[in-house]
N, C-alpha and C. Protein backbone atom coordinates (compact mmCIF):
# COMPACT_ATOMS: atom_id res chain seq x y z
N MET A 1 -32.13 28.39 -33.13
CA MET A 1 -31.40 27.29 -32.59
C MET A 1 -32.01 26.91 -31.25
N ASP A 2 -32.09 25.60 -31.01
CA ASP A 2 -32.74 25.12 -29.80
C ASP A 2 -31.68 24.67 -28.80
N TYR A 3 -31.50 25.42 -27.72
CA TYR A 3 -30.52 25.08 -26.69
C TYR A 3 -31.21 24.34 -25.56
N PRO A 4 -30.52 23.36 -24.97
CA PRO A 4 -31.13 22.68 -23.82
C PRO A 4 -31.20 23.64 -22.64
N THR A 5 -32.25 23.56 -21.92
CA THR A 5 -32.41 24.43 -20.76
C THR A 5 -32.03 23.67 -19.50
N CYS A 6 -31.44 24.36 -18.56
CA CYS A 6 -31.04 23.77 -17.30
C CYS A 6 -31.73 24.52 -16.18
N THR A 7 -32.18 23.79 -15.22
CA THR A 7 -32.74 24.43 -14.04
C THR A 7 -31.58 24.79 -13.10
N MET A 8 -31.86 25.54 -12.07
CA MET A 8 -30.82 25.95 -11.13
C MET A 8 -30.19 24.75 -10.46
N SER A 9 -30.97 23.72 -10.13
CA SER A 9 -30.41 22.56 -9.44
C SER A 9 -29.46 21.80 -10.36
N GLU A 10 -29.71 21.79 -11.68
CA GLU A 10 -28.82 21.09 -12.60
C GLU A 10 -27.53 21.87 -12.81
N THR A 11 -27.59 23.19 -12.87
CA THR A 11 -26.38 23.98 -13.09
C THR A 11 -25.48 23.99 -11.87
N ALA A 12 -26.03 23.71 -10.70
CA ALA A 12 -25.22 23.67 -9.49
C ALA A 12 -24.23 22.51 -9.55
N PHE A 13 -24.51 21.48 -10.34
CA PHE A 13 -23.65 20.31 -10.44
C PHE A 13 -22.80 20.32 -11.70
N LEU A 14 -22.72 21.46 -12.40
CA LEU A 14 -21.90 21.56 -13.60
C LEU A 14 -20.57 22.24 -13.29
N LYS A 15 -19.56 21.83 -14.02
CA LYS A 15 -18.24 22.44 -13.88
C LYS A 15 -17.61 22.45 -15.26
N ALA A 16 -16.92 23.52 -15.61
CA ALA A 16 -16.26 23.62 -16.91
C ALA A 16 -14.84 23.08 -16.79
N CYS A 17 -14.47 22.23 -17.71
CA CYS A 17 -13.13 21.65 -17.76
C CYS A 17 -12.13 22.73 -18.16
N LYS A 18 -10.99 22.79 -17.48
CA LYS A 18 -9.97 23.79 -17.81
C LYS A 18 -9.27 23.46 -19.13
N LYS A 19 -9.31 22.21 -19.54
CA LYS A 19 -8.61 21.80 -20.76
C LYS A 19 -9.50 22.01 -22.00
N CYS A 20 -10.69 21.40 -21.96
CA CYS A 20 -11.56 21.48 -23.14
C CYS A 20 -12.61 22.59 -23.03
N GLY A 21 -12.87 23.09 -21.84
CA GLY A 21 -13.81 24.18 -21.65
C GLY A 21 -15.27 23.79 -21.70
N ILE A 22 -15.58 22.51 -21.80
CA ILE A 22 -16.97 22.06 -21.89
C ILE A 22 -17.55 21.93 -20.49
N PRO A 23 -18.69 22.55 -20.20
CA PRO A 23 -19.34 22.36 -18.91
C PRO A 23 -19.89 20.94 -18.82
N GLN A 24 -19.56 20.24 -17.74
CA GLN A 24 -19.97 18.86 -17.56
C GLN A 24 -20.45 18.65 -16.13
N LEU A 25 -21.12 17.53 -15.91
CA LEU A 25 -21.55 17.19 -14.57
C LEU A 25 -20.33 16.90 -13.70
N LEU A 26 -20.46 17.15 -12.40
CA LEU A 26 -19.34 16.93 -11.48
C LEU A 26 -18.86 15.49 -11.46
N GLU A 27 -19.74 14.55 -11.77
CA GLU A 27 -19.34 13.14 -11.75
C GLU A 27 -18.31 12.82 -12.83
N ARG A 28 -18.12 13.71 -13.78
CA ARG A 28 -17.13 13.50 -14.83
C ARG A 28 -15.77 14.09 -14.47
N PHE A 29 -15.62 14.57 -13.23
CA PHE A 29 -14.36 15.10 -12.73
C PHE A 29 -13.90 14.25 -11.56
N PRO A 30 -12.62 13.89 -11.51
CA PRO A 30 -12.12 13.14 -10.36
C PRO A 30 -12.14 13.99 -9.10
N PHE A 31 -12.51 13.37 -7.98
CA PHE A 31 -12.53 14.07 -6.70
C PHE A 31 -11.20 13.83 -6.01
N LEU A 32 -10.53 14.90 -5.61
CA LEU A 32 -9.26 14.81 -4.91
C LEU A 32 -9.53 14.81 -3.41
N LYS A 33 -9.42 13.64 -2.79
CA LYS A 33 -9.77 13.51 -1.38
C LYS A 33 -8.87 14.35 -0.49
N ALA A 34 -7.58 14.38 -0.80
CA ALA A 34 -6.64 15.11 0.04
C ALA A 34 -6.95 16.60 0.07
N GLU A 35 -7.42 17.13 -1.05
CA GLU A 35 -7.70 18.56 -1.13
C GLU A 35 -9.19 18.86 -0.97
N GLN A 36 -10.02 17.82 -0.93
CA GLN A 36 -11.47 17.97 -0.79
C GLN A 36 -12.05 18.87 -1.87
N LYS A 37 -11.65 18.61 -3.11
CA LYS A 37 -12.20 19.36 -4.24
C LYS A 37 -12.11 18.50 -5.49
N TYR A 38 -12.77 18.97 -6.54
CA TYR A 38 -12.73 18.26 -7.81
C TYR A 38 -11.56 18.76 -8.65
N ARG A 39 -10.97 17.85 -9.41
CA ARG A 39 -9.86 18.21 -10.30
C ARG A 39 -10.36 19.20 -11.34
N GLY A 40 -9.49 20.04 -11.85
CA GLY A 40 -9.87 21.07 -12.82
C GLY A 40 -10.14 20.52 -14.21
N THR A 41 -9.51 19.37 -14.55
CA THR A 41 -9.73 18.78 -15.88
C THR A 41 -10.63 17.57 -15.75
N CYS A 42 -11.46 17.36 -16.76
CA CYS A 42 -12.39 16.23 -16.74
C CYS A 42 -11.63 14.92 -16.92
N LYS A 43 -12.31 13.80 -16.65
CA LYS A 43 -11.68 12.49 -16.74
C LYS A 43 -11.21 12.18 -18.16
N ALA A 44 -11.97 12.59 -19.15
CA ALA A 44 -11.59 12.32 -20.54
C ALA A 44 -10.32 13.07 -20.92
N CYS A 45 -10.22 14.33 -20.54
CA CYS A 45 -9.02 15.11 -20.85
C CYS A 45 -7.82 14.58 -20.08
N ARG A 46 -8.02 14.20 -18.83
CA ARG A 46 -6.93 13.65 -18.03
C ARG A 46 -6.44 12.33 -18.64
N ALA A 47 -7.36 11.48 -19.10
CA ALA A 47 -6.97 10.22 -19.72
C ALA A 47 -6.16 10.48 -20.99
N ALA A 48 -6.56 11.48 -21.77
CA ALA A 48 -5.82 11.83 -22.99
C ALA A 48 -4.41 12.33 -22.63
N GLU A 49 -4.29 13.12 -21.56
CA GLU A 49 -2.98 13.60 -21.12
C GLU A 49 -2.08 12.43 -20.73
N LEU A 50 -2.64 11.47 -19.98
CA LEU A 50 -1.85 10.34 -19.52
C LEU A 50 -1.45 9.44 -20.68
N ARG A 51 -2.34 9.26 -21.64
CA ARG A 51 -1.99 8.46 -22.84
C ARG A 51 -0.83 9.11 -23.58
N ALA A 52 -0.89 10.43 -23.75
CA ALA A 52 0.19 11.14 -24.44
C ALA A 52 1.50 11.03 -23.66
N LEU A 53 1.42 11.10 -22.34
CA LEU A 53 2.61 10.99 -21.52
C LEU A 53 3.24 9.60 -21.65
N ARG A 54 2.40 8.56 -21.59
CA ARG A 54 2.93 7.19 -21.69
C ARG A 54 3.55 6.91 -23.04
N ARG A 55 3.11 7.60 -24.07
CA ARG A 55 3.65 7.39 -25.41
C ARG A 55 4.94 8.18 -25.64
N HIS A 56 5.28 9.08 -24.74
CA HIS A 56 6.49 9.88 -24.90
C HIS A 56 7.71 8.96 -24.79
N PRO A 57 8.71 9.12 -25.66
CA PRO A 57 9.84 8.19 -25.67
C PRO A 57 10.67 8.16 -24.38
N ASP A 58 10.73 9.25 -23.65
CA ASP A 58 11.54 9.29 -22.44
C ASP A 58 10.78 8.83 -21.19
N HIS A 59 9.49 8.55 -21.32
CA HIS A 59 8.67 8.26 -20.15
C HIS A 59 9.16 7.03 -19.39
N ALA A 60 9.41 5.93 -20.09
CA ALA A 60 9.80 4.69 -19.42
C ALA A 60 11.12 4.88 -18.68
N GLU A 61 12.06 5.54 -19.28
CA GLU A 61 13.35 5.77 -18.62
C GLU A 61 13.19 6.66 -17.39
N ARG A 62 12.36 7.70 -17.50
CA ARG A 62 12.14 8.58 -16.34
C ARG A 62 11.48 7.82 -15.20
N MET A 63 10.52 6.94 -15.52
CA MET A 63 9.83 6.17 -14.49
C MET A 63 10.79 5.18 -13.82
N ARG A 64 11.65 4.53 -14.60
CA ARG A 64 12.63 3.61 -14.02
C ARG A 64 13.58 4.35 -13.08
N GLU A 65 14.05 5.51 -13.49
CA GLU A 65 14.95 6.30 -12.65
C GLU A 65 14.26 6.77 -11.38
N ALA A 66 13.02 7.21 -11.49
CA ALA A 66 12.28 7.66 -10.31
C ALA A 66 12.06 6.50 -9.34
N GLU A 67 11.75 5.31 -9.85
CA GLU A 67 11.54 4.14 -8.99
C GLU A 67 12.85 3.74 -8.32
N ARG A 68 13.97 3.83 -9.04
CA ARG A 68 15.26 3.49 -8.46
C ARG A 68 15.60 4.43 -7.29
N VAL A 69 15.39 5.72 -7.50
CA VAL A 69 15.66 6.71 -6.44
C VAL A 69 14.73 6.49 -5.26
N ARG A 70 13.45 6.25 -5.54
CA ARG A 70 12.47 6.04 -4.48
C ARG A 70 12.81 4.80 -3.66
N SER A 71 13.19 3.71 -4.33
CA SER A 71 13.49 2.48 -3.60
C SER A 71 14.76 2.62 -2.77
N GLN A 72 15.76 3.33 -3.27
CA GLN A 72 16.98 3.57 -2.48
C GLN A 72 16.67 4.40 -1.24
N ARG A 73 15.79 5.37 -1.38
CA ARG A 73 15.45 6.23 -0.26
C ARG A 73 14.66 5.47 0.81
N ARG A 74 13.77 4.56 0.36
CA ARG A 74 12.89 3.87 1.30
C ARG A 74 13.48 2.58 1.87
N ARG A 75 14.53 2.05 1.26
CA ARG A 75 15.04 0.74 1.64
C ARG A 75 15.38 0.62 3.13
N PRO A 76 16.10 1.55 3.76
CA PRO A 76 16.41 1.39 5.19
C PRO A 76 15.15 1.28 6.06
N ALA A 77 14.16 2.10 5.77
CA ALA A 77 12.92 2.06 6.58
C ALA A 77 12.19 0.74 6.38
N ILE A 78 12.18 0.23 5.15
CA ILE A 78 11.51 -1.04 4.87
C ILE A 78 12.21 -2.18 5.59
N LEU A 79 13.54 -2.22 5.51
CA LEU A 79 14.29 -3.28 6.19
C LEU A 79 14.08 -3.22 7.70
N GLN A 80 14.06 -2.03 8.27
CA GLN A 80 13.82 -1.89 9.70
C GLN A 80 12.43 -2.40 10.07
N TRP A 81 11.43 -2.04 9.29
CA TRP A 81 10.07 -2.51 9.56
C TRP A 81 9.99 -4.03 9.48
N GLN A 82 10.66 -4.62 8.48
CA GLN A 82 10.63 -6.07 8.34
C GLN A 82 11.29 -6.76 9.53
N ARG A 83 12.37 -6.18 10.06
CA ARG A 83 13.01 -6.76 11.25
C ARG A 83 12.10 -6.65 12.46
N GLU A 84 11.37 -5.55 12.58
CA GLU A 84 10.50 -5.34 13.73
C GLU A 84 9.18 -6.10 13.64
N HIS A 85 8.74 -6.44 12.43
CA HIS A 85 7.45 -7.11 12.24
C HIS A 85 7.60 -8.38 11.39
N PRO A 86 8.34 -9.37 11.87
CA PRO A 86 8.55 -10.56 11.03
C PRO A 86 7.26 -11.35 10.78
N ASP A 87 6.30 -11.27 11.70
CA ASP A 87 5.06 -12.02 11.51
C ASP A 87 4.16 -11.42 10.43
N ASN A 88 4.37 -10.17 10.10
CA ASN A 88 3.53 -9.52 9.09
C ASN A 88 4.05 -9.69 7.68
N MET A 89 5.25 -10.25 7.55
CA MET A 89 5.80 -10.47 6.22
C MET A 89 5.03 -11.58 5.52
N ARG A 90 5.00 -11.55 4.24
CA ARG A 90 4.31 -12.59 3.49
C ARG A 90 5.02 -13.91 3.70
N PRO A 91 4.29 -15.02 3.67
CA PRO A 91 4.93 -16.33 3.92
C PRO A 91 6.11 -16.62 3.00
N GLY A 92 6.02 -16.29 1.74
CA GLY A 92 7.13 -16.54 0.82
C GLY A 92 8.37 -15.76 1.20
N ARG A 93 8.18 -14.50 1.56
CA ARG A 93 9.32 -13.69 1.97
C ARG A 93 9.89 -14.19 3.28
N GLN A 94 9.01 -14.69 4.15
CA GLN A 94 9.47 -15.24 5.42
C GLN A 94 10.33 -16.48 5.18
N ARG A 95 9.88 -17.35 4.28
CA ARG A 95 10.66 -18.55 3.95
C ARG A 95 12.02 -18.18 3.37
N ARG A 96 12.03 -17.22 2.45
CA ARG A 96 13.30 -16.81 1.84
C ARG A 96 14.22 -16.17 2.87
N ALA A 97 13.67 -15.37 3.78
CA ALA A 97 14.48 -14.74 4.82
C ALA A 97 15.05 -15.80 5.75
N ALA A 98 14.25 -16.80 6.10
CA ALA A 98 14.74 -17.87 6.97
C ALA A 98 15.82 -18.69 6.27
N ALA A 99 15.63 -18.99 5.00
CA ALA A 99 16.64 -19.74 4.24
C ALA A 99 17.93 -18.95 4.13
N ARG A 100 17.83 -17.64 3.91
CA ARG A 100 19.01 -16.79 3.81
C ARG A 100 19.75 -16.76 5.15
N ALA A 101 19.01 -16.67 6.25
CA ALA A 101 19.63 -16.66 7.57
C ALA A 101 20.32 -18.00 7.84
N ALA A 102 19.70 -19.11 7.42
CA ALA A 102 20.31 -20.42 7.61
C ALA A 102 21.59 -20.55 6.79
N ARG A 103 21.58 -20.06 5.55
CA ARG A 103 22.79 -20.10 4.72
C ARG A 103 23.90 -19.28 5.33
N GLN A 104 23.56 -18.10 5.84
CA GLN A 104 24.57 -17.25 6.46
C GLN A 104 25.14 -17.89 7.72
N ALA A 105 24.28 -18.53 8.51
CA ALA A 105 24.75 -19.20 9.72
C ALA A 105 25.65 -20.38 9.36
N ALA A 106 25.28 -21.14 8.33
CA ALA A 106 26.10 -22.28 7.90
C ALA A 106 27.44 -21.79 7.37
N ALA A 107 27.47 -20.72 6.62
CA ALA A 107 28.72 -20.18 6.10
C ALA A 107 29.60 -19.68 7.23
N HIS A 108 28.99 -19.06 8.23
CA HIS A 108 29.75 -18.58 9.38
C HIS A 108 30.34 -19.75 10.16
N ALA A 109 29.55 -20.81 10.37
CA ALA A 109 30.03 -22.00 11.08
C ALA A 109 31.17 -22.67 10.31
N ALA A 110 31.03 -22.76 9.00
CA ALA A 110 32.10 -23.36 8.19
C ALA A 110 33.37 -22.53 8.27
N GLN A 111 33.24 -21.23 8.30
CA GLN A 111 34.40 -20.36 8.40
C GLN A 111 35.09 -20.55 9.75
N LEU A 112 34.30 -20.72 10.82
CA LEU A 112 34.88 -20.93 12.14
C LEU A 112 35.63 -22.26 12.20
N LEU A 113 35.09 -23.29 11.52
CA LEU A 113 35.74 -24.60 11.54
C LEU A 113 37.05 -24.61 10.75
N THR A 114 37.13 -23.84 9.69
CA THR A 114 38.33 -23.85 8.85
C THR A 114 39.37 -22.84 9.31
N THR A 115 39.02 -21.89 10.10
CA THR A 115 39.97 -20.89 10.56
C THR A 115 40.55 -21.32 11.91
N PRO A 116 41.89 -21.45 12.02
CA PRO A 116 42.47 -21.84 13.31
C PRO A 116 42.36 -20.70 14.32
N PRO A 117 42.21 -21.02 15.55
CA PRO A 117 42.16 -19.97 16.58
C PRO A 117 43.48 -19.21 16.63
N ASP A 118 43.40 -17.96 17.06
CA ASP A 118 44.60 -17.11 17.12
C ASP A 118 45.54 -17.51 18.23
N ASN A 119 45.03 -18.06 19.32
CA ASN A 119 45.88 -18.36 20.46
C ASN A 119 46.39 -19.81 20.46
N GLN A 120 46.36 -20.47 19.33
CA GLN A 120 46.82 -21.85 19.25
C GLN A 120 48.36 -21.86 19.24
N PRO A 121 48.99 -22.73 20.09
CA PRO A 121 50.45 -22.75 20.11
C PRO A 121 51.02 -23.34 18.85
N LEU A 122 52.14 -22.82 18.42
CA LEU A 122 52.80 -23.34 17.25
C LEU A 122 53.47 -24.67 17.56
N SER A 123 53.44 -25.62 16.64
CA SER A 123 54.05 -26.92 16.90
C SER A 123 55.38 -27.09 16.25
């Protein structure tokens, strides 16, 4: 049987996938910047894992629930940032925020006009 031969410089760039066990070049493994290392599974095996996960019947519901929890947790910080940085908001959001503020001000003014003052003498 004829096996391919590798020199020392070529084997230095090989890594065996933990899932399929095939030695592959490092470029076939995702690099994790935060940990400064290569992922243990190759890109092909990771893609197969993610495809299987997305096809699982409960996946969509779990993702919706996770997004709902995440958005509830982050909402106060986002609203505070938007109040502190109105110029950085997107123009569309700025227009909607301005329109909402105008509607609220108009509703407040209308309420003041229709509500009699408390200290008005009875006639």
